[in-house]
Amino acid sequence: MLERQERVSQLGLAVADFAAALRLWPLWTRLGWNDILYRYRRSTLGPFWSTVNVAVTVIALGLVYSEIFKLPVRQLMPFVCAGLIVWSFISAILLEAGGLFSGSESYIKQVRLPYTLYVFRFVFSKIMLFLHDIPIYLVLLLYFQIWPGLALAWAIPGFVLLSINCTFASLAIGMASARFRDIPRIIASLTQVLFLVTPIIWMPDLLGSRHMLAAGNPFFHLIEIVRAPLLGMAPSTDTIMVMLAMTVLNMLVTATVFLRFRARIAYWI
């Protein structure tokens, strides 16, 4: 009976934490924007340095790999551009979520705020940087005279679903990294491998009869749910089903971890 009451109590605290963070949206949006300003302080282009970096990478990879794969630049470069923009968002979440709570140690130990507020702050700042990269995609559309049509509308719910997954993943990684400080280094190593084995700068069709190797990669679906609409195609049924399954699994695992270890975050950092 006492154990059940404790679980109910922990659940109530977790729900209250989430609800309080949502009500404080003016605070975490402002903090998230300040994180961007602080990161690019005293620079001329500010957050647009990220845009320049992605643009140079897209042009270089598009030109080189179109020759390697013997594909038209008009076909490969928009594919690489859309993939890199989405991947930059995902990789930023993976690489920086490790410092989610440890990087906010001064706030956590001095101010009583919901833990999920720091998650929303973090993801919001990454969404803003993602939006700064969208002009690259728009310029390519104009240059190659491509219009994705009505399929482009799928990009909005696709990105919302991707952001939800990234939010839960950030919370899980942030908690795990606060407890085990080697986690960020492990993720950094894995991220490099994931970039190479995921169809970002190469098309799944190049695998021929082994194209299922790409379909079995969950990160392919995380990218494809947004990239396909940007290229004028609705996401496949397989991608939608995999994304929904990943969202449910991600939510259950993260919620379980948060309920179990929420009270220990302040001690871990």
C-alpha atoms as a PDB file:
ATOM      1  CA  MET A   1       0.000   0.000   0.000  1.00  0.00           C
ATOM      2  CA  LEU A   2       2.796   2.434   0.884  1.00  0.00           C
ATOM      3  CA  GLU A   3       4.650   1.578  -2.328  1.00  0.00           C
ATOM      4  CA  ARG A   4       1.509   2.241  -4.380  1.00  0.00           C
ATOM      5  CA  GLN A   5       0.978   5.571  -2.650  1.00  0.00           C
ATOM      6  CA  GLU A   6       4.584   6.510  -3.351  1.00  0.00           C
ATOM      7  CA  ARG A   7       4.150   5.717  -7.034  1.00  0.00           C
ATOM      8  CA  VAL A   8       0.969   7.803  -7.210  1.00  0.00           C
ATOM      9  CA  SER A   9       2.790  10.625  -5.468  1.00  0.00           C
ATOM     10  CA  GLN A  10       5.709  10.468  -7.904  1.00  0.00           C
ATOM     11  CA  LEU A  11       3.296  10.431 -10.839  1.00  0.00           C
ATOM     12  CA  GLY A  12       1.517  13.492  -9.490  1.00  0.00           C
ATOM     13  CA  LEU A  13       4.805  15.340  -9.047  1.00  0.00           C
ATOM     14  CA  ALA A  14       5.920  14.461 -12.581  1.00  0.00           C
ATOM     15  CA  VAL A  15       2.617  15.619 -14.091  1.00  0.00           C
ATOM     16  CA  ALA A  16       2.753  18.812 -12.028  1.00  0.00           C
ATOM     17  CA  ASP A  17       6.329  19.376 -13.212  1.00  0.00           C
ATOM     18  CA  PHE A  18       5.274  19.066 -16.864  1.00  0.00           C
ATOM     19  CA  ALA A  19       2.182  21.270 -16.430  1.00  0.00           C
ATOM     20  CA  ALA A  20       4.122  23.964 -14.597  1.00  0.00           C
ATOM     21  CA  ALA A  21       6.769  24.026 -17.326  1.00  0.00           C
ATOM     22  CA  LEU A  22       4.108  24.499 -19.998  1.00  0.00           C
ATOM     23  CA  ARG A  23       2.634  27.447 -18.092  1.00  0.00           C
ATOM     24  CA  LEU A  24       6.077  29.034 -17.904  1.00  0.00           C
ATOM     25  CA  TRP A  25       6.507  29.078 -21.695  1.00  0.00           C
ATOM     26  CA  PRO A  26       7.474  32.807 -21.781  1.00  0.00           C
ATOM     27  CA  LEU A  27      10.398  31.972 -19.497  1.00  0.00           C
ATOM     28  CA  TRP A  28      11.821  28.976 -21.380  1.00  0.00           C
ATOM     29  CA  THR A  29      11.380  30.617 -24.774  1.00  0.00           C
ATOM     30  CA  ARG A  30      13.286  33.642 -23.532  1.00  0.00           C
ATOM     31  CA  LEU A  31      15.984  31.492 -21.925  1.00  0.00           C
ATOM     32  CA  GLY A  32      16.275  29.423 -25.105  1.00  0.00           C
ATOM     33  CA  TRP A  33      16.714  32.526 -27.219  1.00  0.00           C
ATOM     34  CA  ASN A  34      19.281  33.890 -24.773  1.00  0.00           C
ATOM     35  CA  ASP A  35      21.221  30.628 -25.141  1.00  0.00           C
ATOM     36  CA  ILE A  36      21.483  31.284 -28.878  1.00  0.00           C
ATOM     37  CA  LEU A  37      22.544  34.901 -28.352  1.00  0.00           C
ATOM     38  CA  TYR A  38      25.153  33.856 -25.775  1.00  0.00           C
ATOM     39  CA  ARG A  39      26.538  31.137 -28.032  1.00  0.00           C
ATOM     40  CA  TYR A  40      27.059  33.583 -30.930  1.00  0.00           C
ATOM     41  CA  ARG A  41      27.846  36.719 -28.926  1.00  0.00           C
ATOM     42  CA  ARG A  42      30.122  39.264 -30.611  1.00  0.00           C
ATOM     43  CA  SER A  43      29.907  37.451 -33.950  1.00  0.00           C
ATOM     44  CA  THR A  44      28.797  39.324 -37.049  1.00  0.00           C
ATOM     45  CA  LEU A  45      26.367  36.759 -38.457  1.00  0.00           C
ATOM     46  CA  GLY A  46      25.192  35.362 -35.117  1.00  0.00           C
ATOM     47  CA  PRO A  47      23.054  32.215 -35.508  1.00  0.00           C
ATOM     48  CA  PHE A  48      23.381  32.485 -39.285  1.00  0.00           C
ATOM     49  CA  TRP A  49      26.890  31.042 -38.962  1.00  0.00           C
ATOM     50  CA  SER A  50      25.097  27.715 -38.656  1.00  0.00           C
ATOM     51  CA  THR A  51      23.253  28.517 -41.887  1.00  0.00           C
ATOM     52  CA  VAL A  52      26.499  29.340 -43.686  1.00  0.00           C
ATOM     53  CA  ASN A  53      28.103  26.130 -42.459  1.00  0.00           C
ATOM     54  CA  VAL A  54      25.198  23.991 -43.669  1.00  0.00           C
ATOM     55  CA  ALA A  55      25.040  25.846 -46.995  1.00  0.00           C
ATOM     56  CA  VAL A  56      28.748  25.277 -47.723  1.00  0.00           C
ATOM     57  CA  THR A  57      28.421  21.609 -46.755  1.00  0.00           C
ATOM     58  CA  VAL A  58      25.360  21.124 -48.977  1.00  0.00           C
ATOM     59  CA  ILE A  59      27.053  22.686 -52.002  1.00  0.00           C
ATOM     60  CA  ALA A  60      30.298  20.747 -51.510  1.00  0.00           C
ATOM     61  CA  LEU A  61      28.657  17.367 -50.915  1.00  0.00           C
ATOM     62  CA  GLY A  62      26.056  17.910 -53.608  1.00  0.00           C
ATOM     63  CA  LEU A  63      28.655  18.647 -56.273  1.00  0.00           C
ATOM     64  CA  VAL A  64      31.119  15.934 -55.242  1.00  0.00           C
ATOM     65  CA  TYR A  65      28.683  13.093 -54.598  1.00  0.00           C
ATOM     66  CA  SER A  66      26.689  13.812 -57.741  1.00  0.00           C
ATOM     67  CA  GLU A  67      29.875  12.935 -59.635  1.00  0.00           C
ATOM     68  CA  ILE A  68      30.631   9.910 -57.473  1.00  0.00           C
ATOM     69  CA  PHE A  69      27.124   8.458 -57.736  1.00  0.00           C
ATOM     70  CA  LYS A  70      26.609   9.656 -61.325  1.00  0.00           C
ATOM     71  CA  LEU A  71      23.400  11.457 -60.394  1.00  0.00           C
ATOM     72  CA  PRO A  72      22.159  14.843 -61.651  1.00  0.00           C
ATOM     73  CA  VAL A  73      22.988  17.706 -59.285  1.00  0.00           C
ATOM     74  CA  ARG A  74      19.371  18.830 -59.584  1.00  0.00           C
ATOM     75  CA  GLN A  75      18.285  15.505 -58.086  1.00  0.00           C
ATOM     76  CA  LEU A  76      20.937  14.953 -55.423  1.00  0.00           C
ATOM     77  CA  MET A  77      21.536  18.428 -54.009  1.00  0.00           C
ATOM     78  CA  PRO A  78      17.952  19.053 -52.767  1.00  0.00           C
ATOM     79  CA  PHE A  79      18.015  15.549 -51.233  1.00  0.00           C
ATOM     80  CA  VAL A  80      21.306  16.282 -49.451  1.00  0.00           C
ATOM     81  CA  CYS A  81      20.090  19.733 -48.387  1.00  0.00           C
ATOM     82  CA  ALA A  82      16.835  18.504 -46.835  1.00  0.00           C
ATOM     83  CA  GLY A  83      18.604  15.588 -45.180  1.00  0.00           C
ATOM     84  CA  LEU A  84      21.411  17.681 -43.714  1.00  0.00           C
ATOM     85  CA  ILE A  85      19.039  20.313 -42.338  1.00  0.00           C
ATOM     86  CA  VAL A  86      17.007  17.698 -40.490  1.00  0.00           C
ATOM     87  CA  TRP A  87      20.105  15.762 -39.435  1.00  0.00           C
ATOM     88  CA  SER A  88      21.688  18.946 -38.032  1.00  0.00           C
ATOM     89  CA  PHE A  89      18.663  19.327 -35.784  1.00  0.00           C
ATOM     90  CA  ILE A  90      18.750  15.685 -34.637  1.00  0.00           C
ATOM     91  CA  SER A  91      22.527  15.572 -34.131  1.00  0.00           C
ATOM     92  CA  ALA A  92      22.471  18.820 -32.125  1.00  0.00           C
ATOM     93  CA  ILE A  93      19.924  17.227 -29.805  1.00  0.00           C
ATOM     94  CA  LEU A  94      22.002  14.056 -29.416  1.00  0.00           C
ATOM     95  CA  LEU A  95      25.332  15.812 -28.922  1.00  0.00           C
ATOM     96  CA  GLU A  96      24.231  18.564 -26.550  1.00  0.00           C
ATOM     97  CA  ALA A  97      21.457  16.942 -24.512  1.00  0.00           C
ATOM     98  CA  GLY A  98      24.123  15.465 -22.235  1.00  0.00           C
ATOM     99  CA  GLY A  99      24.643  18.898 -20.675  1.00  0.00           C
ATOM    100  CA  LEU A 100      20.935  19.550 -20.277  1.00  0.00           C
ATOM    101  CA  PHE A 101      20.911  19.407 -16.469  1.00  0.00           C
ATOM    102  CA  SER A 102      24.613  19.600 -15.624  1.00  0.00           C
ATOM    103  CA  GLY A 103      24.841  22.798 -17.683  1.00  0.00           C
ATOM    104  CA  SER A 104      21.948  24.308 -15.706  1.00  0.00           C
ATOM    105  CA  GLU A 105      23.415  23.417 -12.316  1.00  0.00           C
ATOM    106  CA  SER A 106      23.362  27.009 -11.026  1.00  0.00           C
ATOM    107  CA  TYR A 107      19.650  27.374 -11.880  1.00  0.00           C
ATOM    108  CA  ILE A 108      18.658  23.995 -10.443  1.00  0.00           C
ATOM    109  CA  LYS A 109      20.466  24.511  -7.131  1.00  0.00           C
ATOM    110  CA  GLN A 110      19.339  28.106  -6.587  1.00  0.00           C
ATOM    111  CA  VAL A 111      15.877  28.442  -8.172  1.00  0.00           C
ATOM    112  CA  ARG A 112      12.943  26.076  -7.813  1.00  0.00           C
ATOM    113  CA  LEU A 113      11.814  25.479 -11.393  1.00  0.00           C
ATOM    114  CA  PRO A 114      10.268  22.441 -13.137  1.00  0.00           C
ATOM    115  CA  TYR A 115      12.902  20.089 -14.535  1.00  0.00           C
ATOM    116  CA  THR A 116      11.052  19.802 -17.828  1.00  0.00           C
ATOM    117  CA  LEU A 117      11.414  23.570 -18.269  1.00  0.00           C
ATOM    118  CA  TYR A 118      15.094  23.020 -19.025  1.00  0.00           C
ATOM    119  CA  VAL A 119      14.122  20.422 -21.624  1.00  0.00           C
ATOM    120  CA  PHE A 120      11.706  22.805 -23.348  1.00  0.00           C
ATOM    121  CA  ARG A 121      14.320  25.558 -23.236  1.00  0.00           C
ATOM    122  CA  PHE A 122      16.895  23.299 -24.867  1.00  0.00           C
ATOM    123  CA  VAL A 123      14.633  21.959 -27.630  1.00  0.00           C
ATOM    124  CA  PHE A 124      13.246  25.432 -28.364  1.00  0.00           C
ATOM    125  CA  SER A 125      16.745  26.791 -29.015  1.00  0.00           C
ATOM    126  CA  LYS A 126      17.446  23.919 -31.424  1.00  0.00           C
ATOM    127  CA  ILE A 127      14.169  24.517 -33.261  1.00  0.00           C
ATOM    128  CA  MET A 128      15.146  28.169 -33.736  1.00  0.00           C
ATOM    129  CA  LEU A 129      18.482  27.113 -35.237  1.00  0.00           C
ATOM    130  CA  PHE A 130      16.642  24.653 -37.481  1.00  0.00           C
ATOM    131  CA  LEU A 131      14.473  27.487 -38.790  1.00  0.00           C
ATOM    132  CA  HIS A 132      17.622  29.493 -39.555  1.00  0.00           C
ATOM    133  CA  ASP A 133      18.680  26.722 -41.974  1.00  0.00           C
ATOM    134  CA  ILE A 134      15.385  26.627 -43.911  1.00  0.00           C
ATOM    135  CA  PRO A 135      16.395  29.545 -46.222  1.00  0.00           C
ATOM    136  CA  ILE A 136      19.034  27.238 -47.765  1.00  0.00           C
ATOM    137  CA  TYR A 137      16.262  24.862 -48.833  1.00  0.00           C
ATOM    138  CA  LEU A 138      14.178  27.745 -50.209  1.00  0.00           C
ATOM    139  CA  VAL A 139      17.109  29.082 -52.246  1.00  0.00           C
ATOM    140  CA  LEU A 140      17.656  25.641 -53.803  1.00  0.00           C
ATOM    141  CA  LEU A 141      13.966  25.424 -54.719  1.00  0.00           C
ATOM    142  CA  LEU A 142      14.221  28.735 -56.546  1.00  0.00           C
ATOM    143  CA  TYR A 143      17.542  27.883 -58.209  1.00  0.00           C
ATOM    144  CA  PHE A 144      16.433  24.489 -59.522  1.00  0.00           C
ATOM    145  CA  GLN A 145      12.855  25.718 -60.103  1.00  0.00           C
ATOM    146  CA  ILE A 146      11.372  22.940 -57.993  1.00  0.00           C
ATOM    147  CA  TRP A 147       8.035  23.156 -56.205  1.00  0.00           C
ATOM    148  CA  PRO A 148       7.092  20.339 -53.782  1.00  0.00           C
ATOM    149  CA  GLY A 149       3.368  21.015 -54.124  1.00  0.00           C
ATOM    150  CA  LEU A 150       0.745  20.148 -51.542  1.00  0.00           C
ATOM    151  CA  ALA A 151       2.943  17.373 -50.142  1.00  0.00           C
ATOM    152  CA  LEU A 152       4.926  20.128 -48.417  1.00  0.00           C
ATOM    153  CA  ALA A 153       2.111  20.416 -45.853  1.00  0.00           C
ATOM    154  CA  TRP A 154       3.144  17.010 -44.469  1.00  0.00           C
ATOM    155  CA  ALA A 155       6.372  18.601 -43.232  1.00  0.00           C
ATOM    156  CA  ILE A 156       4.558  20.428 -40.416  1.00  0.00           C
ATOM    157  CA  PRO A 157       3.041  17.412 -38.598  1.00  0.00           C
ATOM    158  CA  GLY A 158       6.206  15.484 -39.458  1.00  0.00           C
ATOM    159  CA  PHE A 159       8.410  18.047 -37.735  1.00  0.00           C
ATOM    160  CA  VAL A 160       6.041  18.205 -34.759  1.00  0.00           C
ATOM    161  CA  LEU A 161       6.337  14.426 -34.371  1.00  0.00           C
ATOM    162  CA  LEU A 162      10.119  14.649 -34.725  1.00  0.00           C
ATOM    163  CA  SER A 163      10.282  17.427 -32.106  1.00  0.00           C
ATOM    164  CA  ILE A 164       8.199  15.382 -29.653  1.00  0.00           C
ATOM    165  CA  ASN A 165      10.628  12.479 -30.012  1.00  0.00           C
ATOM    166  CA  CYS A 166      13.595  14.805 -29.585  1.00  0.00           C
ATOM    167  CA  THR A 167      12.029  16.313 -26.457  1.00  0.00           C
ATOM    168  CA  PHE A 168      11.630  12.930 -24.768  1.00  0.00           C
ATOM    169  CA  ALA A 169      15.073  11.822 -25.962  1.00  0.00           C
ATOM    170  CA  SER A 170      16.622  15.006 -24.542  1.00  0.00           C
ATOM    171  CA  LEU A 171      15.090  14.348 -21.139  1.00  0.00           C
ATOM    172  CA  ALA A 172      16.305  10.736 -21.101  1.00  0.00           C
ATOM    173  CA  ILE A 173      19.824  11.612 -22.305  1.00  0.00           C
ATOM    174  CA  GLY A 174      20.053  14.557 -19.917  1.00  0.00           C
ATOM    175  CA  MET A 175      19.168  12.406 -16.928  1.00  0.00           C
ATOM    176  CA  ALA A 176      21.446   9.538 -17.961  1.00  0.00           C
ATOM    177  CA  SER A 177      24.347  11.929 -18.584  1.00  0.00           C
ATOM    178  CA  ALA A 178      23.864  13.620 -15.213  1.00  0.00           C
ATOM    179  CA  ARG A 179      24.324  10.223 -13.574  1.00  0.00           C
ATOM    180  CA  PHE A 180      26.945   8.743 -15.929  1.00  0.00           C
ATOM    181  CA  ARG A 181      29.284  11.380 -17.366  1.00  0.00           C
ATOM    182  CA  ASP A 182      30.631   9.062 -20.062  1.00  0.00           C
ATOM    183  CA  ILE A 183      27.279   8.992 -21.872  1.00  0.00           C
ATOM    184  CA  PRO A 184      27.904  12.180 -23.964  1.00  0.00           C
ATOM    185  CA  ARG A 185      31.212  10.770 -25.237  1.00  0.00           C
ATOM    186  CA  ILE A 186      29.583   7.500 -26.207  1.00  0.00           C
ATOM    187  CA  ILE A 187      26.804   9.343 -28.030  1.00  0.00           C
ATOM    188  CA  ALA A 188      29.341  11.559 -29.837  1.00  0.00           C
ATOM    189  CA  SER A 189      31.095   8.471 -31.196  1.00  0.00           C
ATOM    190  CA  LEU A 190      27.836   6.811 -32.213  1.00  0.00           C
ATOM    191  CA  THR A 191      26.592   9.982 -33.929  1.00  0.00           C
ATOM    192  CA  GLN A 192      29.527   9.928 -36.343  1.00  0.00           C
ATOM    193  CA  VAL A 193      28.728   6.342 -37.311  1.00  0.00           C
ATOM    194  CA  LEU A 194      25.006   7.088 -37.658  1.00  0.00           C
ATOM    195  CA  PHE A 195      25.749   9.914 -40.092  1.00  0.00           C
ATOM    196  CA  LEU A 196      27.612   7.527 -42.375  1.00  0.00           C
ATOM    197  CA  VAL A 197      25.159   4.609 -42.282  1.00  0.00           C
ATOM    198  CA  THR A 198      21.986   6.718 -42.556  1.00  0.00           C
ATOM    199  CA  PRO A 199      20.789   7.872 -46.020  1.00  0.00           C
ATOM    200  CA  ILE A 200      21.613  11.557 -45.635  1.00  0.00           C
ATOM    201  CA  ILE A 201      24.199  12.242 -48.323  1.00  0.00           C
ATOM    202  CA  TRP A 202      23.373   9.091 -50.307  1.00  0.00           C
ATOM    203  CA  MET A 203      20.039   7.765 -51.543  1.00  0.00           C
ATOM    204  CA  PRO A 204      18.533   4.482 -50.303  1.00  0.00           C
ATOM    205  CA  ASP A 205      18.002   3.376 -53.919  1.00  0.00           C
ATOM    206  CA  LEU A 206      21.767   3.019 -54.251  1.00  0.00           C
ATOM    207  CA  LEU A 207      21.557  -0.066 -52.026  1.00  0.00           C
ATOM    208  CA  GLY A 208      19.609  -1.865 -54.728  1.00  0.00           C
ATOM    209  CA  SER A 209      18.110  -5.104 -53.466  1.00  0.00           C
ATOM    210  CA  ARG A 210      19.435  -4.333 -49.989  1.00  0.00           C
ATOM    211  CA  HIS A 211      17.385  -1.133 -49.598  1.00  0.00           C
ATOM    212  CA  MET A 212      15.771  -2.691 -46.512  1.00  0.00           C
ATOM    213  CA  LEU A 213      19.022  -1.945 -44.677  1.00  0.00           C
ATOM    214  CA  ALA A 214      18.036   1.716 -44.841  1.00  0.00           C
ATOM    215  CA  ALA A 215      14.407   1.052 -43.933  1.00  0.00           C
ATOM    216  CA  GLY A 216      15.558  -0.819 -40.827  1.00  0.00           C
ATOM    217  CA  ASN A 217      17.447   2.249 -39.586  1.00  0.00           C
ATOM    218  CA  PRO A 218      15.172   4.259 -37.226  1.00  0.00           C
ATOM    219  CA  PHE A 219      17.131   7.444 -37.930  1.00  0.00           C
ATOM    220  CA  PHE A 220      16.199   7.112 -41.594  1.00  0.00           C
ATOM    221  CA  HIS A 221      12.534   7.454 -40.618  1.00  0.00           C
ATOM    222  CA  LEU A 222      13.274  10.341 -38.247  1.00  0.00           C
ATOM    223  CA  ILE A 223      14.752  12.227 -41.187  1.00  0.00           C
ATOM    224  CA  GLU A 224      12.356  10.981 -43.856  1.00  0.00           C
ATOM    225  CA  ILE A 225       9.227  12.138 -41.975  1.00  0.00           C
ATOM    226  CA  VAL A 226      10.335  15.711 -42.729  1.00  0.00           C
ATOM    227  CA  ARG A 227      12.602  15.284 -45.766  1.00  0.00           C
ATOM    228  CA  ALA A 228      10.049  13.494 -47.967  1.00  0.00           C
ATOM    229  CA  PRO A 229       7.524  16.390 -47.827  1.00  0.00           C
ATOM    230  CA  LEU A 230      10.309  18.897 -48.484  1.00  0.00           C
ATOM    231  CA  LEU A 231      11.085  16.953 -51.656  1.00  0.00           C
ATOM    232  CA  GLY A 232       7.451  16.860 -52.743  1.00  0.00           C
ATOM    233  CA  MET A 233       6.486  13.388 -51.519  1.00  0.00           C
ATOM    234  CA  ALA A 234       4.176  12.323 -48.709  1.00  0.00           C
ATOM    235  CA  PRO A 235       5.895  10.152 -46.062  1.00  0.00           C
ATOM    236  CA  SER A 236       5.460   6.448 -46.717  1.00  0.00           C
ATOM    237  CA  THR A 237       3.108   4.378 -44.584  1.00  0.00           C
ATOM    238  CA  ASP A 238       6.099   2.502 -43.173  1.00  0.00           C
ATOM    239  CA  THR A 239       7.735   5.749 -42.061  1.00  0.00           C
ATOM    240  CA  ILE A 240       4.553   6.994 -40.405  1.00  0.00           C
ATOM    241  CA  MET A 241       3.982   3.705 -38.579  1.00  0.00           C
ATOM    242  CA  VAL A 242       7.609   3.488 -37.426  1.00  0.00           C
ATOM    243  CA  MET A 243       7.499   7.090 -36.198  1.00  0.00           C
ATOM    244  CA  LEU A 244       4.297   6.508 -34.235  1.00  0.00           C
ATOM    245  CA  ALA A 245       5.735   3.342 -32.689  1.00  0.00           C
ATOM    246  CA  MET A 246       8.981   5.152 -31.802  1.00  0.00           C
ATOM    247  CA  THR A 247       7.025   8.012 -30.240  1.00  0.00           C
ATOM    248  CA  VAL A 248       5.018   5.693 -28.004  1.00  0.00           C
ATOM    249  CA  LEU A 249       8.123   3.710 -26.992  1.00  0.00           C
ATOM    250  CA  ASN A 250      10.148   6.869 -26.421  1.00  0.00           C
ATOM    251  CA  MET A 251       7.377   8.334 -24.295  1.00  0.00           C
ATOM    252  CA  LEU A 252       6.947   5.214 -22.146  1.00  0.00           C
ATOM    253  CA  VAL A 253      10.676   4.711 -21.524  1.00  0.00           C
ATOM    254  CA  THR A 254      11.356   8.374 -20.738  1.00  0.00           C
ATOM    255  CA  ALA A 255       8.290   8.683 -18.509  1.00  0.00           C
ATOM    256  CA  THR A 256       9.349   5.586 -16.559  1.00  0.00           C
ATOM    257  CA  VAL A 257      12.879   6.917 -16.065  1.00  0.00           C
ATOM    258  CA  PHE A 258      11.623  10.388 -15.131  1.00  0.00           C
ATOM    259  CA  LEU A 259       9.161   9.017 -12.580  1.00  0.00           C
ATOM    260  CA  ARG A 260      11.787   6.771 -11.047  1.00  0.00           C
ATOM    261  CA  PHE A 261      14.748   9.160 -10.854  1.00  0.00           C
ATOM    262  CA  ARG A 262      13.318  12.682 -11.045  1.00  0.00           C
ATOM    263  CA  ALA A 263      14.068  13.412  -7.378  1.00  0.00           C
ATOM    264  CA  ARG A 264      17.752  12.492  -7.802  1.00  0.00           C
ATOM    265  CA  ILE A 265      18.628  14.936 -10.597  1.00  0.00           C
ATOM    266  CA  ALA A 266      19.684  17.702  -8.212  1.00  0.00           C
ATOM    267  CA  TYR A 267      22.013  15.301  -6.372  1.00  0.00           C
ATOM    268  CA  TRP A 268      23.565  13.890  -9.547  1.00  0.00           C
ATOM    269  CA  ILE A 269      24.680  17.237 -10.892  1.00  0.00           C
END
